[in-house]
Amino acid sequence: MNRNIYLLGVVSLLLQSSLADGKPGQKKPNIIFILADDLGYGDISCLNENGKIHTPNIDMIAQTGITFTDAHSSSAVCTPSRYGILTGRYNWRSRLKNGVLNFYDHPLMSAERTNMASMLKQNGYQTACFGKWHLGWNWPTIDGNKPVDNSNEYNLDFSKPITGGPVDVGFDYFFGVDAPNYPPFCFIENRQTVGIPTLYFPKHPFGDCRPGRGIPSWNMEDILPVLQQKVVDCITAAAKKEAPFFIYFPITGPHTPIAPSKEFQGKSGLNAYADFVLEIDHLVGEIEKTLQENHLLENTILVFTSDNGCSPQADFPFLAEHGHQPSYIYRGHKADLFEGGHRIPCLMQWPAKIKEPHTVSQTICLIDFMATFANMVGHNPSDNEAEDSYNLLPAILNPGFPKSIREATVHHSINGSFTIRKGEWKLLLSAGSGGWSSPKPGKEEEGLPPVQLYNMKSDPAEKDNVQEKYTEVVKQLTDLLRKYVEEGRSTSGKPQKNDGEYPWHQIIGIIKN
């Protein structure tokens, strides 16, 4: 057995024992997981010394807890990143091999697959989800048998229950939207729309939104304040119950439509995107205040992070002109294989166990929180659970923990291209970004090397492609990625199958090398 893995196992068992050795009757920790939407690493002031957006409430998490400086999403776009967080499984193992779910798509996450909510519910937690779901539903139809897509929206019957969503995969309660820029433009509570969407909104009624049905009173500026109040009310109610709670809060900002409420419009002195980030910071402060008022702060784990990097919709040229870089020093943005696509802010506080603020500089992935929370509550994942998730507790509870928890980390772009990072080396199995920045897939890649290799220690901005100089590193990382793909997992355990077609076209070159 690898000695590092053995040591990690011993440390994990000791930590699990210590977590269980609290005072008689002591509750398991509450968990609040706040997932921002398209928020860049450089948009948090404690992570960007030159940033122009001041986020004091989010910064306070770092000042009292942990800052993960090398944290990543598994995907550079929305749906797949959320799938990875909740399942602890790389998103490309699902049927979705590129892109995101469209509006009225059917569920991506099977109710039979253990996820963060169902696992915690099995271990005594109250579970709730507020905000953007974007993982699909079984949308009811008028005729009862025709599939629904965005071309036959009028076959939808909003008077019927919508199944396959959060409350069918482990959450006790849901209040939110499918996606703020997708119809139906209304809130959904559990399995029912709040109101019947009767009005048809044309394309781009609220900025970057798709056309579709909504309720006449729908106002994009109200979404975040309503969700904030729902979470505050949930925390207050949960405080009166014995069971610990898990709140998954995938907020709708600063994704498009960029619609800060009136209180925050113009507050940043920059643009609407920066105003929206300030509103998110205020939201975090209100949640902290509610925890404090209900005497829950000490034993509540609060994670704040983002599903992927910042979107170009933030207006990068304008922000750069005013001295602000949403991707900080990193290349690229949302949708890309470059760091700006998947390196994200990630902060965590847990006053009962994290007594001194510290930084975790080793590479982690958001899919690791599944195994981390499982270990914390004493759940031992079976072979077909959390196949790519690593337990972070040793690094969380031991400042300066020296061992690398992850062997390597895989990232995925919007067009389904891969990159794999191990230590200082990052290999991109693409000639370009695989996303929206240059070189874009297609003509911009012509004449470029088919792969890119960067030393992230000496070249964090990914400027110098050294794939010709280090061909053995290219081979080693390609072989490791092939192993991860073929075995259906990247952690130890029995090999598993990937979903959907096999091989899919993005991996044909990888598995045949």
Protein backbone atom coordinates (compact mmCIF):
# COMPACT_ATOMS: atom_id res chain seq x y z
CA MET A 1 0.00 0.00 0.00
CA ASN A 2 1.22 3.51 -0.80
CA ARG A 3 2.60 4.96 2.46
CA ASN A 4 0.96 8.36 1.94
CA ILE A 5 -2.44 6.73 1.42
CA TYR A 6 -1.89 4.64 4.56
CA LEU A 7 -1.02 7.72 6.61
CA LEU A 8 -4.05 9.56 5.26
CA GLY A 9 -6.22 6.62 6.28
CA VAL A 10 -4.83 6.57 9.82
CA VAL A 11 -5.23 10.33 10.20
CA SER A 12 -8.77 10.12 8.84
CA LEU A 13 -9.76 7.45 11.37
CA LEU A 14 -8.30 9.48 14.23
CA LEU A 15 -10.10 12.61 13.06
CA GLN A 16 -13.38 10.78 12.67
CA SER A 17 -12.98 9.47 16.21
CA SER A 18 -12.21 12.94 17.55
CA LEU A 19 -15.24 14.39 15.81
CA ALA A 20 -17.41 11.81 17.52
CA ASP A 21 -15.85 12.39 20.96
CA GLY A 22 -17.75 15.58 21.73
CA LYS A 23 -19.85 16.22 24.78
CA PRO A 24 -22.73 13.79 25.45
CA GLY A 25 -25.67 14.75 23.27
CA GLN A 26 -23.60 17.15 21.17
CA LYS A 27 -25.13 17.59 17.72
CA LYS A 28 -23.31 16.85 14.54
CA PRO A 29 -22.28 20.10 12.87
CA ASN A 30 -24.78 21.95 10.74
CA ILE A 31 -23.64 22.52 7.16
CA ILE A 32 -24.37 25.48 4.88
CA PHE A 33 -22.89 25.22 1.40
CA ILE A 34 -23.17 28.52 -0.51
CA LEU A 35 -22.43 28.14 -4.20
CA ALA A 36 -22.10 31.38 -6.15
CA ASP A 37 -22.78 31.28 -9.88
CA ASP A 38 -20.00 32.48 -12.23
CA LEU A 39 -18.01 34.27 -9.51
CA GLY A 40 -14.32 34.68 -10.31
CA TYR A 41 -11.39 33.92 -8.02
CA GLY A 42 -10.36 37.57 -8.21
CA ASP A 43 -13.80 38.90 -7.26
CA ILE A 44 -13.18 38.25 -3.55
CA SER A 45 -11.12 41.02 -1.99
CA CYS A 46 -9.14 38.74 0.34
CA LEU A 47 -7.95 36.76 -2.71
CA ASN A 48 -7.08 39.72 -4.93
CA GLU A 49 -4.85 42.39 -3.45
CA ASN A 50 -5.55 44.62 -6.46
CA GLY A 51 -9.28 43.94 -6.68
CA LYS A 52 -11.78 46.78 -6.79
CA ILE A 53 -14.77 44.93 -5.30
CA HIS A 54 -14.81 44.98 -1.49
CA THR A 55 -16.32 41.85 0.10
CA PRO A 56 -15.93 42.21 3.90
CA ASN A 57 -18.45 39.54 4.89
CA ILE A 58 -16.96 36.89 2.62
CA ASP A 59 -13.48 37.94 3.73
CA MET A 60 -14.53 37.31 7.34
CA ILE A 61 -14.87 33.59 6.55
CA ALA A 62 -11.20 33.57 5.58
CA GLN A 63 -10.22 35.61 8.63
CA THR A 64 -11.81 33.06 10.97
CA GLY A 65 -11.44 29.86 8.96
CA ILE A 66 -9.74 28.36 5.93
CA THR A 67 -8.75 29.78 2.58
CA PHE A 68 -8.25 27.16 -0.13
CA THR A 69 -5.93 28.91 -2.59
CA ASP A 70 -5.80 26.07 -5.14
CA ALA A 71 -9.46 25.03 -5.24
CA HIS A 72 -11.19 23.98 -8.44
CA SER A 73 -14.54 23.01 -9.86
CA SER A 74 -14.66 19.78 -11.85
CA SER A 75 -16.18 21.62 -14.81
CA ALA A 76 -15.93 25.14 -16.17
CA VAL A 77 -19.72 25.46 -16.58
CA CYS A 78 -22.89 25.25 -14.46
CA THR A 79 -24.76 21.94 -14.70
CA PRO A 80 -21.78 19.58 -14.69
CA SER A 81 -20.08 21.39 -11.82
CA ARG A 82 -23.22 21.02 -9.67
CA TYR A 83 -23.50 17.35 -10.54
CA GLY A 84 -19.92 16.82 -9.38
CA ILE A 85 -20.39 18.67 -6.09
CA LEU A 86 -23.50 16.73 -5.10
CA THR A 87 -22.34 13.27 -6.22
CA GLY A 88 -18.59 13.36 -5.59
CA ARG A 89 -18.21 11.99 -9.11
CA TYR A 90 -16.64 13.64 -12.13
CA ASN A 91 -19.38 15.19 -14.23
CA TRP A 92 -18.17 13.63 -17.48
CA ARG A 93 -19.02 10.20 -16.08
CA SER A 94 -22.70 11.19 -16.38
CA ARG A 95 -24.61 11.16 -19.69
CA LEU A 96 -23.71 14.84 -20.18
CA LYS A 97 -20.40 14.80 -22.05
CA ASN A 98 -20.30 18.52 -22.90
CA GLY A 99 -22.29 21.69 -22.37
CA VAL A 100 -25.08 22.18 -19.85
CA LEU A 101 -28.68 21.05 -19.55
CA ASN A 102 -31.13 23.09 -21.59
CA PHE A 103 -34.40 24.33 -20.18
CA TYR A 104 -36.98 21.59 -19.70
CA ASP A 105 -34.31 18.87 -19.85
CA HIS A 106 -34.90 15.71 -17.85
CA PRO A 107 -32.93 14.92 -14.66
CA LEU A 108 -29.19 14.35 -14.89
CA MET A 109 -28.81 12.94 -11.38
CA SER A 110 -30.55 9.63 -10.73
CA ALA A 111 -32.52 9.24 -7.51
CA GLU A 112 -30.76 5.88 -7.10
CA ARG A 113 -27.32 7.51 -6.90
CA THR A 114 -26.24 8.57 -3.43
CA ASN A 115 -25.59 12.29 -3.26
CA MET A 116 -24.63 14.78 -0.58
CA ALA A 117 -28.24 15.43 0.47
CA SER A 118 -29.40 11.81 0.54
CA MET A 119 -26.26 10.74 2.41
CA LEU A 120 -26.67 13.41 5.07
CA LYS A 121 -30.40 12.72 5.34
CA GLN A 122 -29.62 9.05 5.99
CA ASN A 123 -27.38 10.24 8.80
CA GLY A 124 -30.01 12.28 10.59
CA TYR A 125 -29.84 15.66 8.88
CA GLN A 126 -32.66 18.00 7.91
CA THR A 127 -31.92 18.86 4.27
CA ALA A 128 -32.97 21.86 2.20
CA CYS A 129 -32.00 23.43 -1.11
CA PHE A 130 -32.58 27.06 -2.08
CA GLY A 131 -31.69 28.70 -5.39
CA LYS A 132 -30.64 27.49 -8.80
CA TRP A 133 -31.10 23.76 -9.42
CA HIS A 134 -30.13 23.34 -13.11
CA LEU A 135 -29.93 19.55 -12.89
CA GLY A 136 -33.14 18.74 -14.73
CA TRP A 137 -36.73 17.76 -13.89
CA ASN A 138 -39.49 15.53 -15.20
CA TRP A 139 -41.66 18.29 -16.60
CA PRO A 140 -45.35 17.26 -16.80
CA THR A 141 -47.13 17.49 -20.14
CA ILE A 142 -50.71 18.09 -21.16
CA ASP A 143 -50.96 14.93 -23.26
CA GLY A 144 -48.98 12.92 -20.73
CA ASN A 145 -46.61 11.26 -23.15
CA LYS A 146 -44.81 13.70 -25.42
CA PRO A 147 -41.31 14.62 -24.28
CA VAL A 148 -40.84 18.28 -23.48
CA ASP A 149 -38.09 20.41 -24.92
CA ASN A 150 -37.72 24.09 -25.66
CA SER A 151 -39.61 23.76 -28.96
CA ASN A 152 -42.96 22.64 -27.55
CA GLU A 153 -43.25 24.56 -24.31
CA TYR A 154 -47.01 24.83 -24.67
CA ASN A 155 -47.33 21.10 -24.05
CA LEU A 156 -46.34 21.76 -20.43
CA ASP A 157 -48.93 21.44 -17.68
CA PHE A 158 -47.78 23.58 -14.77
CA SER A 159 -50.77 22.55 -12.67
CA LYS A 160 -49.22 19.10 -12.22
CA PRO A 161 -46.33 18.16 -9.88
CA ILE A 162 -42.83 18.45 -11.33
CA THR A 163 -40.88 15.36 -10.29
CA GLY A 164 -37.23 14.39 -10.49
CA GLY A 165 -36.00 17.55 -8.77
CA PRO A 166 -34.40 18.22 -5.37
CA VAL A 167 -37.10 16.68 -3.16
CA ASP A 168 -36.89 13.45 -5.15
CA VAL A 169 -33.13 13.01 -4.65
CA GLY A 170 -32.70 13.65 -0.93
CA PHE A 171 -33.78 17.18 -0.03
CA ASP A 172 -36.66 17.61 2.41
CA TYR A 173 -37.50 21.02 0.96
CA PHE A 174 -36.73 23.11 -2.11
CA PHE A 175 -37.44 26.70 -3.02
CA GLY A 176 -35.80 28.28 -6.03
CA VAL A 177 -35.63 28.25 -9.81
CA ASP A 178 -34.44 25.90 -12.49
CA ALA A 179 -32.06 28.59 -13.77
CA PRO A 180 -32.61 32.37 -13.60
CA ASN A 181 -32.08 32.88 -17.34
CA TYR A 182 -34.29 29.92 -18.35
CA PRO A 183 -38.05 29.56 -18.36
CA PRO A 184 -40.25 29.02 -16.52
CA PHE A 185 -39.76 32.49 -15.07
CA CYS A 186 -41.17 31.76 -11.63
CA PHE A 187 -40.18 30.18 -8.35
CA ILE A 188 -40.61 26.46 -7.78
CA GLU A 189 -41.46 25.15 -4.33
CA ASN A 190 -40.85 21.43 -3.87
CA ARG A 191 -42.70 19.95 -6.89
CA GLN A 192 -44.91 22.89 -7.87
CA THR A 193 -44.45 26.24 -9.57
CA VAL A 194 -45.37 29.25 -7.42
CA GLY A 195 -48.09 30.56 -9.68
CA ILE A 196 -48.94 29.38 -13.17
CA PRO A 197 -46.67 30.74 -15.93
CA THR A 198 -49.15 32.22 -18.40
CA LEU A 199 -47.22 35.09 -19.95
CA TYR A 200 -44.76 34.54 -22.80
CA PHE A 201 -41.57 36.55 -22.47
CA PRO A 202 -39.67 37.17 -25.73
CA LYS A 203 -35.94 36.56 -26.10
CA HIS A 204 -33.75 38.54 -23.71
CA PRO A 205 -36.52 40.12 -21.63
CA PHE A 206 -34.12 40.46 -18.68
CA GLY A 207 -30.70 40.63 -20.27
CA ASP A 208 -29.19 37.29 -21.31
CA CYS A 209 -32.36 35.19 -20.93
CA ARG A 210 -34.00 32.63 -23.19
CA PRO A 211 -37.57 33.19 -24.37
CA GLY A 212 -40.35 31.35 -22.59
CA ARG A 213 -43.25 31.38 -20.19
CA GLY A 214 -43.37 33.06 -16.81
CA ILE A 215 -45.69 34.60 -14.28
CA PRO A 216 -46.74 38.20 -15.05
CA SER A 217 -45.30 39.59 -11.81
CA TRP A 218 -41.83 38.07 -12.27
CA ASN A 219 -39.01 40.46 -11.38
CA MET A 220 -35.39 39.35 -11.66
CA GLU A 221 -34.24 41.88 -9.07
CA ASP A 222 -36.34 40.13 -6.43
CA ILE A 223 -34.79 36.66 -6.81
CA LEU A 224 -31.78 37.00 -4.52
CA PRO A 225 -33.57 38.91 -1.71
CA VAL A 226 -36.39 36.35 -1.68
CA LEU A 227 -33.94 33.44 -1.55
CA GLN A 228 -31.94 35.14 1.20
CA GLN A 229 -35.03 35.54 3.36
CA LYS A 230 -36.06 31.92 2.75
CA VAL A 231 -32.65 30.72 3.97
CA VAL A 232 -32.75 33.01 7.01
CA ASP A 233 -36.20 31.66 7.89
CA CYS A 234 -35.02 28.08 7.39
CA ILE A 235 -32.05 28.54 9.73
CA THR A 236 -34.27 30.12 12.37
CA ALA A 237 -36.77 27.26 12.17
CA ALA A 238 -34.06 24.58 12.12
CA ALA A 239 -32.51 26.03 15.28
CA LYS A 240 -35.59 24.92 17.21
CA LYS A 241 -35.16 21.28 16.20
CA GLU A 242 -32.82 18.65 17.58
CA ALA A 243 -31.55 17.32 14.25
CA PRO A 244 -28.62 19.05 12.52
CA PHE A 245 -29.34 20.71 9.19
CA PHE A 246 -27.76 20.81 5.74
CA ILE A 247 -28.56 23.78 3.52
CA TYR A 248 -27.33 23.68 -0.07
CA PHE A 249 -27.63 27.26 -1.32
CA PRO A 250 -26.72 27.59 -5.02
CA ILE A 251 -27.42 31.31 -5.39
CA THR A 252 -28.46 32.80 -8.72
CA GLY A 253 -25.80 35.50 -8.93
CA PRO A 254 -23.68 36.94 -10.29
CA HIS A 255 -24.79 34.83 -13.30
CA THR A 256 -26.97 36.50 -15.90
CA PRO A 257 -29.40 38.12 -15.74
CA ILE A 258 -27.12 40.50 -13.88
CA ALA A 259 -29.90 42.06 -11.83
CA PRO A 260 -28.84 43.48 -8.47
CA SER A 261 -31.71 44.70 -6.34
CA LYS A 262 -32.35 48.45 -6.15
CA GLU A 263 -30.52 48.77 -2.84
CA PHE A 264 -27.25 47.73 -4.52
CA GLN A 265 -27.56 49.35 -7.94
CA GLY A 266 -24.61 51.69 -8.44
CA LYS A 267 -23.14 50.83 -5.04
CA SER A 268 -19.81 49.48 -6.36
CA GLY A 269 -19.02 52.49 -8.50
CA LEU A 270 -18.10 50.06 -11.28
CA ASN A 271 -20.90 48.22 -13.09
CA ALA A 272 -23.95 46.05 -12.46
CA TYR A 273 -21.82 42.92 -12.14
CA ALA A 274 -19.77 44.43 -9.31
CA ASP A 275 -23.00 45.66 -7.69
CA PHE A 276 -24.31 42.09 -7.83
CA VAL A 277 -21.18 40.79 -6.09
CA LEU A 278 -21.71 43.34 -3.32
CA GLU A 279 -25.26 42.04 -2.89
CA ILE A 280 -23.90 38.51 -2.58
CA ASP A 281 -21.46 39.68 0.08
CA HIS A 282 -24.37 41.26 1.96
CA LEU A 283 -26.27 37.96 1.71
CA VAL A 284 -23.36 36.12 3.32
CA GLY A 285 -23.33 38.66 6.13
CA GLU A 286 -27.05 38.15 6.77
CA ILE A 287 -26.58 34.39 7.01
CA GLU A 288 -23.69 34.84 9.46
CA LYS A 289 -25.83 37.21 11.53
CA THR A 290 -28.71 34.72 11.60
CA LEU A 291 -26.41 31.94 12.77
CA GLN A 292 -25.07 34.20 15.51
CA GLU A 293 -28.55 35.26 16.65
CA ASN A 294 -29.66 31.63 16.89
CA HIS A 295 -26.48 30.52 18.73
CA LEU A 296 -25.56 28.23 15.83
CA LEU A 297 -22.35 29.82 14.56
CA GLU A 298 -19.96 27.73 16.68
CA ASN A 299 -21.06 24.33 15.37
CA THR A 300 -21.96 25.24 11.79
CA ILE A 301 -19.71 24.53 8.83
CA LEU A 302 -20.07 27.33 6.29
CA VAL A 303 -18.54 26.85 2.85
CA PHE A 304 -18.52 29.67 0.32
CA THR A 305 -17.42 28.92 -3.23
CA SER A 306 -18.38 29.22 -6.92
CA ASP A 307 -19.46 26.72 -9.56
CA ASN A 308 -16.86 27.90 -12.10
CA GLY A 309 -14.92 30.97 -13.14
CA CYS A 310 -16.28 34.39 -14.04
CA SER A 311 -18.32 34.80 -17.22
CA PRO A 312 -17.43 37.34 -19.94
CA GLN A 313 -20.90 38.77 -19.27
CA ALA A 314 -19.25 40.60 -16.36
CA ASP A 315 -17.62 42.87 -18.99
CA PHE A 316 -13.95 42.02 -18.56
CA PRO A 317 -12.64 44.96 -20.67
CA PHE A 318 -14.54 47.51 -18.55
CA LEU A 319 -13.45 45.94 -15.28
CA ALA A 320 -9.83 45.67 -16.44
CA GLU A 321 -9.89 49.33 -17.45
CA HIS A 322 -10.83 50.09 -13.86
CA GLY A 323 -8.11 47.85 -12.41
CA HIS A 324 -10.18 44.76 -11.59
CA GLN A 325 -9.38 41.25 -12.89
CA PRO A 326 -12.13 38.69 -12.08
CA SER A 327 -9.75 35.81 -12.90
CA TYR A 328 -6.95 37.41 -10.85
CA ILE A 329 -3.59 36.46 -12.43
CA TYR A 330 -4.99 33.43 -14.23
CA ARG A 331 -5.67 32.90 -17.91
CA GLY A 332 -9.17 32.44 -19.29
CA HIS A 333 -12.63 32.47 -17.75
CA LYS A 334 -15.83 30.46 -17.51
CA ALA A 335 -16.09 27.57 -20.03
CA ASP A 336 -12.29 27.21 -20.43
CA LEU A 337 -9.66 24.60 -19.62
CA PHE A 338 -7.38 27.45 -18.56
CA GLU A 339 -7.26 28.24 -14.82
CA GLY A 340 -9.76 31.08 -15.05
CA GLY A 341 -12.39 28.54 -16.07
CA HIS A 342 -12.19 26.32 -13.00
CA ARG A 343 -9.97 27.82 -10.28
CA ILE A 344 -12.52 29.27 -7.92
CA PRO A 345 -12.76 31.03 -4.54
CA CYS A 346 -13.31 28.54 -1.73
CA LEU A 347 -13.50 29.54 1.92
CA MET A 348 -14.67 27.57 4.95
CA GLN A 349 -15.35 28.27 8.60
CA TRP A 350 -16.19 25.92 11.46
CA PRO A 351 -15.47 27.71 14.76
CA ALA A 352 -15.91 24.56 16.87
CA LYS A 353 -13.00 22.84 15.14
CA ILE A 354 -11.07 25.47 13.18
CA LYS A 355 -9.62 27.60 15.96
CA GLU A 356 -7.03 29.53 13.97
CA PRO A 357 -7.34 30.86 10.41
CA HIS A 358 -5.06 29.12 7.95
CA THR A 359 -4.46 28.53 4.27
CA VAL A 360 -4.64 25.21 2.45
CA SER A 361 -2.43 25.54 -0.61
CA GLN A 362 -2.68 22.01 -1.97
CA THR A 363 -4.98 21.27 -4.89
CA ILE A 364 -8.55 20.38 -3.99
CA CYS A 365 -11.73 19.95 -6.02
CA LEU A 366 -15.29 20.82 -5.03
CA ILE A 367 -16.27 17.18 -5.53
CA ASP A 368 -14.15 16.44 -2.43
CA PHE A 369 -16.76 17.85 -0.07
CA MET A 370 -18.92 14.76 -0.60
CA ALA A 371 -16.30 12.42 0.90
CA THR A 372 -15.37 15.03 3.50
CA PHE A 373 -18.90 15.35 4.86
CA ALA A 374 -19.39 11.58 4.61
CA ASN A 375 -16.29 10.98 6.71
CA MET A 376 -17.36 13.62 9.18
CA VAL A 377 -20.70 11.90 9.91
CA GLY A 378 -19.26 8.37 9.84
CA HIS A 379 -20.60 7.31 6.44
CA ASN A 380 -18.30 4.93 4.56
CA PRO A 381 -18.99 5.35 0.82
CA SER A 382 -19.61 2.13 -1.08
CA ASP A 383 -17.82 1.39 -4.34
CA ASN A 384 -20.50 3.13 -6.41
CA GLU A 385 -20.57 6.30 -4.30
CA ALA A 386 -18.31 9.37 -4.46
CA GLU A 387 -15.96 7.67 -6.93
CA ASP A 388 -13.76 10.75 -7.39
CA SER A 389 -14.09 12.43 -3.99
CA TYR A 390 -11.24 12.71 -1.46
CA ASN A 391 -11.63 13.40 2.26
CA LEU A 392 -10.26 16.86 3.08
CA LEU A 393 -10.54 16.63 6.87
CA PRO A 394 -6.81 16.01 7.43
CA ALA A 395 -5.98 19.32 5.71
CA ILE A 396 -8.94 21.14 7.25
CA LEU A 397 -8.15 20.23 10.85
CA ASN A 398 -4.35 20.15 10.67
CA PRO A 399 -2.78 23.43 9.51
CA GLY A 400 0.21 22.73 7.31
CA PHE A 401 -0.80 19.12 6.67
CA PRO A 402 2.11 17.97 4.47
CA LYS A 403 0.69 15.12 2.42
CA SER A 404 -1.07 15.58 -0.91
CA ILE A 405 -4.64 14.40 -0.49
CA ARG A 406 -5.38 14.14 -4.21
CA GLU A 407 -3.30 12.08 -6.62
CA ALA A 408 -4.43 14.28 -9.52
CA THR A 409 -7.40 16.41 -10.55
CA VAL A 410 -9.33 16.38 -13.82
CA HIS A 411 -11.16 19.38 -15.26
CA HIS A 412 -13.63 19.63 -18.13
CA SER A 413 -14.52 22.48 -20.49
CA ILE A 414 -17.80 23.41 -22.13
CA ASN A 415 -16.97 21.49 -25.33
CA GLY A 416 -16.01 18.37 -23.37
CA SER A 417 -12.23 18.72 -23.56
CA PHE A 418 -10.05 17.51 -20.69
CA THR A 419 -7.20 18.76 -18.59
CA ILE A 420 -5.43 16.86 -15.81
CA ARG A 421 -3.32 18.40 -13.07
CA LYS A 422 -0.82 16.52 -10.91
CA GLY A 423 1.44 18.51 -8.66
CA GLU A 424 3.02 21.33 -10.61
CA TRP A 425 2.12 19.88 -14.02
CA LYS A 426 -1.07 20.60 -15.92
CA LEU A 427 -1.82 18.88 -19.23
CA LEU A 428 -4.54 20.21 -21.54
CA LEU A 429 -5.79 17.66 -24.06
CA SER A 430 -6.71 20.48 -26.41
CA ALA A 431 -4.97 22.85 -28.78
CA GLY A 432 -6.86 25.81 -27.34
CA SER A 433 -9.12 26.83 -24.49
CA GLY A 434 -11.83 24.25 -25.13
CA GLY A 435 -14.16 27.10 -24.28
CA TRP A 436 -14.86 30.76 -24.97
CA SER A 437 -11.46 32.44 -24.78
CA SER A 438 -8.83 32.36 -27.51
CA PRO A 439 -7.72 30.09 -29.03
CA LYS A 440 -11.36 28.99 -29.35
CA PRO A 441 -12.24 25.51 -30.67
CA GLY A 442 -12.13 25.38 -34.45
CA LYS A 443 -10.21 27.67 -36.78
CA GLU A 444 -8.29 29.45 -34.02
CA GLU A 445 -6.64 26.13 -33.11
CA GLU A 446 -5.30 25.43 -36.60
CA GLY A 447 -1.54 24.94 -36.62
CA LEU A 448 -1.25 24.71 -32.84
CA PRO A 449 0.15 21.69 -30.95
CA PRO A 450 -2.66 19.23 -30.11
CA VAL A 451 -1.84 19.34 -26.38
CA GLN A 452 -0.55 21.91 -23.92
CA LEU A 453 1.65 21.36 -20.86
CA TYR A 454 2.22 24.03 -18.25
CA ASN A 455 4.27 24.15 -15.06
CA MET A 456 1.80 25.77 -12.68
CA LYS A 457 4.50 26.51 -10.12
CA SER A 458 6.70 28.57 -12.41
CA ASP A 459 4.04 29.57 -14.95
CA PRO A 460 0.65 30.02 -13.22
CA ALA A 461 -0.54 32.25 -16.07
CA GLU A 462 -0.15 29.36 -18.55
CA LYS A 463 1.94 31.29 -21.06
CA ASP A 464 4.71 28.81 -21.91
CA ASN A 465 3.59 25.51 -23.47
CA VAL A 466 6.44 23.06 -22.74
CA GLN A 467 4.85 19.89 -24.14
CA GLU A 468 7.70 19.35 -26.63
CA LYS A 469 10.34 19.60 -23.89
CA TYR A 470 8.64 17.25 -21.40
CA THR A 471 7.17 14.49 -23.54
CA GLU A 472 7.48 11.95 -20.73
CA VAL A 473 5.31 14.11 -18.46
CA VAL A 474 2.74 14.35 -21.25
CA LYS A 475 2.72 10.56 -21.54
CA GLN A 476 2.47 9.99 -17.78
CA LEU A 477 -0.47 12.36 -17.38
CA THR A 478 -2.24 10.99 -20.45
CA ASP A 479 -1.83 7.45 -19.11
CA LEU A 480 -3.21 8.50 -15.72
CA LEU A 481 -6.23 10.18 -17.31
CA ARG A 482 -6.85 7.07 -19.40
CA LYS A 483 -6.77 4.98 -16.22
CA TYR A 484 -9.28 7.28 -14.51
CA VAL A 485 -11.61 7.10 -17.51
CA GLU A 486 -11.41 3.35 -18.00
CA GLU A 487 -11.75 2.43 -14.32
CA GLY A 488 -14.76 4.68 -13.74
CA ARG A 489 -13.15 6.20 -10.67
CA SER A 490 -10.02 8.04 -9.50
CA THR A 491 -10.12 6.89 -5.87
CA SER A 492 -9.30 3.40 -4.63
CA GLY A 493 -12.09 0.85 -4.97
CA LYS A 494 -13.83 -1.48 -7.38
CA PRO A 495 -13.92 -0.21 -11.00
CA GLN A 496 -17.22 1.35 -12.06
CA LYS A 497 -18.94 2.11 -15.35
CA ASN A 498 -19.35 5.56 -16.83
CA ASP A 499 -22.83 6.54 -17.99
CA GLY A 500 -23.87 7.02 -21.60
CA GLU A 501 -22.08 5.99 -24.76
CA TYR A 502 -18.57 4.59 -24.56
CA PRO A 503 -16.22 5.69 -25.84
CA TRP A 504 -17.55 9.18 -26.44
CA HIS A 505 -15.73 11.21 -29.04
CA GLN A 506 -13.79 13.48 -26.66
CA ILE A 507 -11.92 10.51 -25.15
CA ILE A 508 -11.27 8.41 -28.25
CA GLY A 509 -7.81 9.92 -28.70
CA ILE A 510 -7.02 9.46 -25.01
CA ILE A 511 -7.90 5.77 -24.73
CA LYS A 512 -6.22 4.84 -28.03
CA ASN A 513 -2.86 6.46 -27.25
